Amino acid sequence: MLAFVGGLEFDIFFRGLLSVLVGVVVLIGGSYLIVATNTGSRTGGLIAFGALFGWMFLMGIVWTVYGIGWVGEAQSWSLEEVSTGDLELAENVDASELGISLGRSNDFFASVSGADADERQRNALEFASENEDRLSGWEYLAASNPRRGDAQSAAEEYLIEENVFDTPNDYIPLQFGGFALGGKPAGVEGDSVLTRFRKKAESILNPFHGQELVAIQVQAVLPQPTLPGQAPPIPVADESADVVTVILERDRGGPVPWLISGTRFVPAAFTIINAILFAIVAYLMHIRDKREMAIRAAAT
């Protein structure tokens, strides 16, 4: 027995399990003992369970809103299509319309310039917002946009899996090669307070999630030898190579992805279950109070 107890110290699972059990017994059991001494065992039990379910209901709301705690399946990107060359020939209709907007030479942002990469990205965002009617509903994603970074990581995996490139060193993402279609409006760097408030209000007032596509464009790099004793050269895109466009669709996961993502489905279900249990306990206490009031009224 001593060896078994000593072995638990090195097992993270059992240490965590025992810590939770002790916490539950001390917190809930201690609260029950204190309440039960004043109200009786049955009423004290109902009050303790009501407090427990009510607290877990409130905690579930926080988990659901922020997507933390006991979460479900994480969102991911599924491959829709890999288009090489003219994007307007893509099988996906929306991607084909984007290809028509960008032109066969992919020169939609040809007039955008700047002193450095950050300035060029800002100018590209401004240019895209001024000409959004030409992008067929697509939204340009700057290099600093988190949605582009997330989708670009998934696109790199699919480029290797589909044998489009052998290694990540064989290609380079295009400077202006990130576009999104659908999804809820998301705040980006540089948005004003009013713009962020408007996007958040639109997201709340429209609870339904439509299809969300992201197009990531890459191009093969020029072969450059690495000289002995020097750092590897900076990758340079091969202008003569075809532009490869990876079209991804966001997989929200869960049984009802059009309403709630898989990440928030588990805490939402947790919240609903605890709300029902709290309502049942509250109703039982209400019935008990009415019975006691009737008994007191009859006695007087």
Protein backbone atom coordinates (compact mmCIF):
# COMPACT_ATOMS: atom_id res chain seq x y z
CA MET A 1 0.00 0.00 0.00
CA LEU A 2 2.82 2.41 0.84
CA ALA A 3 4.52 1.59 -2.46
CA PHE A 4 1.26 2.25 -4.32
CA VAL A 5 0.71 5.58 -2.57
CA GLY A 6 4.33 6.56 -3.21
CA GLY A 7 3.97 5.67 -6.88
CA LEU A 8 1.04 8.05 -7.27
CA GLU A 9 3.42 10.94 -6.72
CA PHE A 10 5.06 10.25 -10.07
CA ASP A 11 1.81 9.73 -12.03
CA ILE A 12 0.49 13.06 -13.29
CA PHE A 13 -2.97 11.66 -14.09
CA PHE A 14 -3.63 10.23 -10.62
CA ARG A 15 -2.18 13.30 -8.92
CA GLY A 16 -4.53 15.53 -10.91
CA LEU A 17 -7.48 13.20 -10.31
CA LEU A 18 -6.90 13.11 -6.57
CA SER A 19 -6.43 16.89 -6.45
CA VAL A 20 -9.76 17.43 -8.19
CA LEU A 21 -11.57 14.91 -5.97
CA VAL A 22 -10.18 16.48 -2.81
CA GLY A 23 -11.14 19.94 -4.06
CA VAL A 24 -14.68 18.79 -4.89
CA VAL A 25 -15.15 17.08 -1.53
CA VAL A 26 -13.77 20.04 0.43
CA LEU A 27 -15.53 22.79 -1.54
CA ILE A 28 -18.91 21.20 -2.19
CA GLY A 29 -18.96 19.00 0.91
CA GLY A 30 -17.89 21.84 3.17
CA SER A 31 -20.54 24.15 1.73
CA TYR A 32 -23.17 21.45 2.15
CA LEU A 33 -22.25 20.82 5.81
CA ILE A 34 -22.46 24.53 6.62
CA VAL A 35 -25.82 25.01 4.90
CA ALA A 36 -27.26 21.71 6.14
CA THR A 37 -26.69 22.68 9.77
CA ASN A 38 -29.11 25.61 9.29
CA THR A 39 -31.67 24.25 6.82
CA GLY A 40 -31.59 20.48 7.19
CA SER A 41 -30.00 17.75 5.13
CA ARG A 42 -32.47 17.69 2.22
CA THR A 43 -32.85 21.45 1.81
CA GLY A 44 -29.12 21.89 2.30
CA GLY A 45 -28.46 19.34 -0.41
CA LEU A 46 -30.77 21.18 -2.83
CA ILE A 47 -29.10 24.51 -2.05
CA ALA A 48 -25.62 23.05 -2.48
CA PHE A 49 -26.51 21.38 -5.79
CA GLY A 50 -28.27 24.53 -6.98
CA ALA A 51 -25.18 26.61 -6.21
CA LEU A 52 -22.95 24.05 -7.97
CA PHE A 53 -25.05 23.86 -11.14
CA GLY A 54 -25.51 27.64 -11.19
CA TRP A 55 -21.78 28.23 -10.90
CA MET A 56 -21.02 25.70 -13.64
CA PHE A 57 -23.71 27.32 -15.81
CA LEU A 58 -22.01 30.72 -15.50
CA MET A 59 -18.60 29.16 -16.09
CA GLY A 60 -19.94 27.42 -19.20
CA ILE A 61 -21.12 30.76 -20.59
CA VAL A 62 -17.61 32.17 -20.25
CA TRP A 63 -16.13 29.05 -21.85
CA THR A 64 -18.55 29.30 -24.77
CA VAL A 65 -18.00 33.01 -25.40
CA TYR A 66 -14.20 32.87 -25.33
CA GLY A 67 -13.72 29.33 -26.62
CA ILE A 68 -11.67 28.22 -23.61
CA GLY A 69 -11.90 25.58 -20.91
CA TRP A 70 -13.45 22.29 -21.95
CA VAL A 71 -13.43 22.87 -25.70
CA GLY A 72 -14.28 20.56 -28.57
CA GLU A 73 -12.75 19.89 -31.97
CA ALA A 74 -10.55 22.74 -33.18
CA GLN A 75 -11.27 24.46 -36.48
CA SER A 76 -9.08 23.55 -39.44
CA TRP A 77 -8.64 24.18 -43.16
CA SER A 78 -9.64 21.56 -45.72
CA LEU A 79 -8.24 21.53 -49.23
CA GLU A 80 -10.74 22.63 -51.87
CA GLU A 81 -8.46 22.83 -54.91
CA VAL A 82 -4.87 23.47 -56.06
CA SER A 83 -4.82 25.56 -59.23
CA THR A 84 -1.62 25.95 -61.24
CA GLY A 85 -1.32 28.67 -63.86
CA ASP A 86 -4.38 30.70 -64.84
CA LEU A 87 -6.63 30.91 -61.79
CA GLU A 88 -9.61 31.79 -63.97
CA LEU A 89 -9.56 28.16 -65.18
CA ALA A 90 -10.04 26.81 -61.65
CA GLU A 91 -12.89 24.36 -61.06
CA ASN A 92 -14.13 26.36 -58.09
CA VAL A 93 -16.44 29.06 -59.44
CA ASP A 94 -15.54 31.63 -56.79
CA ALA A 95 -11.82 31.05 -57.31
CA SER A 96 -12.32 31.37 -61.06
CA GLU A 97 -13.98 34.76 -60.57
CA LEU A 98 -11.04 35.82 -58.41
CA GLY A 99 -8.70 34.77 -61.22
CA ILE A 100 -10.62 36.92 -63.68
CA SER A 101 -10.34 39.87 -61.28
CA LEU A 102 -6.59 39.42 -60.80
CA GLY A 103 -5.92 38.95 -64.52
CA ARG A 104 -3.95 36.25 -66.27
CA SER A 105 -0.67 37.96 -65.37
CA ASN A 106 -1.79 38.37 -61.75
CA ASP A 107 -1.22 42.12 -62.10
CA PHE A 108 -4.10 43.49 -59.99
CA PHE A 109 -1.60 45.03 -57.55
CA ALA A 110 0.94 45.99 -60.21
CA SER A 111 0.56 49.70 -59.43
CA VAL A 112 1.15 49.24 -55.68
CA SER A 113 4.57 50.37 -54.48
CA GLY A 114 6.27 51.45 -51.27
CA ALA A 115 9.58 52.05 -49.56
CA ASP A 116 9.44 48.77 -47.60
CA ALA A 117 7.30 45.66 -47.25
CA ASP A 118 5.09 47.13 -44.51
CA GLU A 119 4.31 50.23 -46.55
CA ARG A 120 3.52 48.11 -49.60
CA GLN A 121 1.11 46.03 -47.55
CA ARG A 122 -0.64 49.15 -46.26
CA ASN A 123 -0.87 50.56 -49.76
CA ALA A 124 -2.21 47.23 -51.04
CA LEU A 125 -4.92 47.20 -48.36
CA GLU A 126 -5.92 50.75 -49.27
CA PHE A 127 -5.90 49.92 -52.98
CA ALA A 128 -8.01 46.78 -52.44
CA SER A 129 -10.56 48.68 -50.32
CA GLU A 130 -10.87 51.35 -53.01
CA ASN A 131 -11.35 48.70 -55.71
CA GLU A 132 -13.29 46.07 -53.76
CA ASP A 133 -15.97 45.96 -56.46
CA ARG A 134 -13.34 44.53 -58.84
CA LEU A 135 -12.47 41.58 -56.56
CA SER A 136 -15.82 39.78 -56.99
CA GLY A 137 -16.53 39.79 -53.27
CA TRP A 138 -13.07 38.57 -52.21
CA GLU A 139 -11.20 40.38 -49.45
CA TYR A 140 -7.48 41.01 -49.66
CA LEU A 141 -5.52 39.65 -46.70
CA ALA A 142 -2.37 41.47 -45.75
CA ALA A 143 0.69 39.49 -44.70
CA SER A 144 0.07 40.46 -41.05
CA ASN A 145 -3.53 39.21 -41.07
CA PRO A 146 -3.87 36.25 -38.63
CA ARG A 147 -6.37 34.52 -40.92
CA ARG A 148 -3.83 34.56 -43.76
CA GLY A 149 -1.06 33.25 -41.52
CA ASP A 150 -3.24 30.39 -40.28
CA ALA A 151 -4.38 29.42 -43.78
CA GLN A 152 -0.87 29.78 -45.20
CA SER A 153 0.48 27.23 -42.75
CA ALA A 154 -2.21 24.75 -43.85
CA ALA A 155 -1.55 25.54 -47.53
CA GLU A 156 2.14 24.72 -47.10
CA GLU A 157 1.24 21.26 -45.81
CA TYR A 158 -1.10 20.58 -48.75
CA LEU A 159 1.52 21.75 -51.27
CA ILE A 160 3.87 19.04 -50.00
CA GLU A 161 1.16 16.39 -49.64
CA GLU A 162 -0.12 16.97 -53.18
CA ASN A 163 3.47 16.77 -54.54
CA VAL A 164 3.25 20.24 -56.04
CA PHE A 165 6.62 21.00 -54.45
CA ASP A 166 9.15 18.73 -52.82
CA THR A 167 10.19 20.99 -49.93
CA PRO A 168 9.06 24.34 -48.48
CA ASN A 169 12.30 25.82 -49.82
CA ASP A 170 11.14 25.33 -53.42
CA TYR A 171 8.54 28.12 -53.35
CA ILE A 172 7.76 31.45 -51.77
CA PRO A 173 4.36 33.00 -50.89
CA LEU A 174 3.50 35.93 -53.11
CA GLN A 175 3.62 39.34 -51.49
CA PHE A 176 0.02 40.10 -52.45
CA GLY A 177 -1.16 36.49 -52.58
CA GLY A 178 -3.79 36.18 -49.87
CA PHE A 179 -7.57 36.51 -50.35
CA ALA A 180 -10.65 35.50 -48.36
CA LEU A 181 -14.31 35.04 -49.23
CA GLY A 182 -17.16 34.66 -46.78
CA GLY A 183 -16.94 34.14 -43.07
CA LYS A 184 -17.72 36.71 -40.44
CA PRO A 185 -16.14 40.19 -40.54
CA ALA A 186 -12.93 40.19 -38.54
CA GLY A 187 -10.98 43.13 -37.20
CA VAL A 188 -7.56 43.80 -38.69
CA GLU A 189 -4.64 45.93 -37.67
CA GLY A 190 -5.32 49.59 -38.34
CA ASP A 191 -9.10 49.45 -37.90
CA SER A 192 -10.61 52.31 -35.97
CA VAL A 193 -12.67 51.78 -32.82
CA LEU A 194 -15.89 52.42 -34.74
CA THR A 195 -14.90 49.92 -37.45
CA ARG A 196 -14.12 47.24 -34.89
CA PHE A 197 -17.40 47.91 -33.08
CA ARG A 198 -19.33 47.67 -36.35
CA LYS A 199 -17.69 44.35 -37.29
CA LYS A 200 -18.34 42.94 -33.81
CA ALA A 201 -21.98 44.04 -33.98
CA GLU A 202 -22.39 42.41 -37.41
CA SER A 203 -20.86 39.20 -36.06
CA ILE A 204 -23.24 39.11 -33.08
CA LEU A 205 -26.39 40.05 -35.00
CA ASN A 206 -25.70 37.38 -37.65
CA PRO A 207 -25.20 34.10 -35.76
CA PHE A 208 -25.11 31.91 -38.87
CA HIS A 209 -21.82 30.93 -40.51
CA GLY A 210 -21.60 30.64 -44.28
CA GLN A 211 -18.88 29.07 -46.40
CA GLU A 212 -15.46 30.61 -45.88
CA LEU A 213 -12.78 30.28 -48.54
CA VAL A 214 -9.18 31.45 -48.53
CA ALA A 215 -6.87 31.56 -51.54
CA ILE A 216 -3.11 31.46 -50.93
CA GLN A 217 -0.80 32.07 -53.90
CA VAL A 218 2.81 30.90 -54.11
CA GLN A 219 5.45 30.74 -56.81
CA ALA A 220 8.58 28.69 -57.39
CA VAL A 221 11.89 30.30 -56.44
CA LEU A 222 14.96 30.81 -58.58
CA PRO A 223 17.75 28.32 -57.85
CA GLN A 224 20.55 30.13 -56.01
CA PRO A 225 23.70 28.36 -54.82
CA THR A 226 24.82 28.85 -51.25
CA LEU A 227 28.44 30.00 -51.18
CA PRO A 228 30.72 28.44 -48.56
CA GLY A 229 30.93 30.45 -45.38
CA GLN A 230 28.00 32.70 -46.28
CA ALA A 231 24.39 32.81 -45.20
CA PRO A 232 21.79 31.23 -47.51
CA PRO A 233 20.57 33.70 -50.14
CA ILE A 234 17.17 35.37 -49.78
CA PRO A 235 14.57 33.42 -51.84
CA VAL A 236 13.49 35.21 -54.99
CA ALA A 237 10.35 34.25 -56.92
CA ASP A 238 10.81 32.93 -60.45
CA GLU A 239 8.69 35.33 -62.50
CA SER A 240 8.56 32.85 -65.39
CA ALA A 241 7.06 30.07 -63.22
CA ASP A 242 3.32 29.49 -62.94
CA VAL A 243 1.52 30.92 -59.94
CA VAL A 244 0.11 28.15 -57.76
CA THR A 245 -3.10 28.97 -55.89
CA VAL A 246 -4.26 26.85 -52.97
CA ILE A 247 -7.99 27.23 -52.29
CA LEU A 248 -8.91 26.24 -48.74
CA GLU A 249 -12.27 25.98 -47.01
CA ARG A 250 -12.60 26.47 -43.28
CA ASP A 251 -13.82 23.32 -41.54
CA ARG A 252 -15.56 24.57 -38.41
CA GLY A 253 -16.19 21.06 -37.09
CA GLY A 254 -19.00 20.02 -34.80
CA PRO A 255 -22.48 18.65 -35.64
CA VAL A 256 -23.91 22.12 -36.48
CA PRO A 257 -21.02 24.08 -38.06
CA TRP A 258 -23.39 26.60 -39.69
CA LEU A 259 -24.43 27.80 -36.22
CA ILE A 260 -21.63 26.96 -33.79
CA SER A 261 -18.11 25.67 -34.31
CA GLY A 262 -16.83 22.39 -32.93
CA THR A 263 -14.60 24.32 -30.54
CA ARG A 264 -17.56 25.96 -28.80
CA PHE A 265 -20.05 23.11 -29.19
CA VAL A 266 -18.79 21.19 -26.14
CA PRO A 267 -18.85 24.17 -23.73
CA ALA A 268 -22.24 25.20 -25.15
CA ALA A 269 -23.64 21.73 -24.46
CA PHE A 270 -22.06 21.85 -20.99
CA THR A 271 -23.77 25.21 -20.38
CA ILE A 272 -27.20 23.97 -21.52
CA ILE A 273 -27.03 20.80 -19.43
CA ASN A 274 -26.08 22.72 -16.29
CA ALA A 275 -28.79 25.29 -16.97
CA ILE A 276 -31.39 22.49 -17.11
CA LEU A 277 -30.07 20.91 -13.90
CA PHE A 278 -30.07 24.31 -12.16
CA ALA A 279 -33.68 24.92 -13.28
CA ILE A 280 -34.75 21.49 -11.99
CA VAL A 281 -33.13 22.05 -8.59
CA ALA A 282 -34.59 25.56 -8.36
CA TYR A 283 -38.05 24.19 -9.21
CA LEU A 284 -37.74 21.48 -6.55
CA MET A 285 -36.81 24.10 -3.96
CA HIS A 286 -39.76 26.21 -5.09
CA ILE A 287 -42.15 23.27 -4.61
CA ARG A 288 -40.63 22.59 -1.19
CA ASP A 289 -41.07 26.24 -0.16
CA LYS A 290 -44.73 26.24 -1.28
CA ARG A 291 -45.39 23.04 0.68
CA GLU A 292 -43.85 24.49 3.82
CA MET A 293 -45.82 27.73 3.37
CA ALA A 294 -49.05 25.71 3.04
CA ILE A 295 -48.25 23.70 6.19
CA ARG A 296 -47.52 26.88 8.16
CA ALA A 297 -50.70 28.53 6.90
CA ALA A 298 -52.75 25.49 7.92
CA ALA A 299 -51.16 25.43 11.37
CA THR A 300 -52.14 29.01 12.05
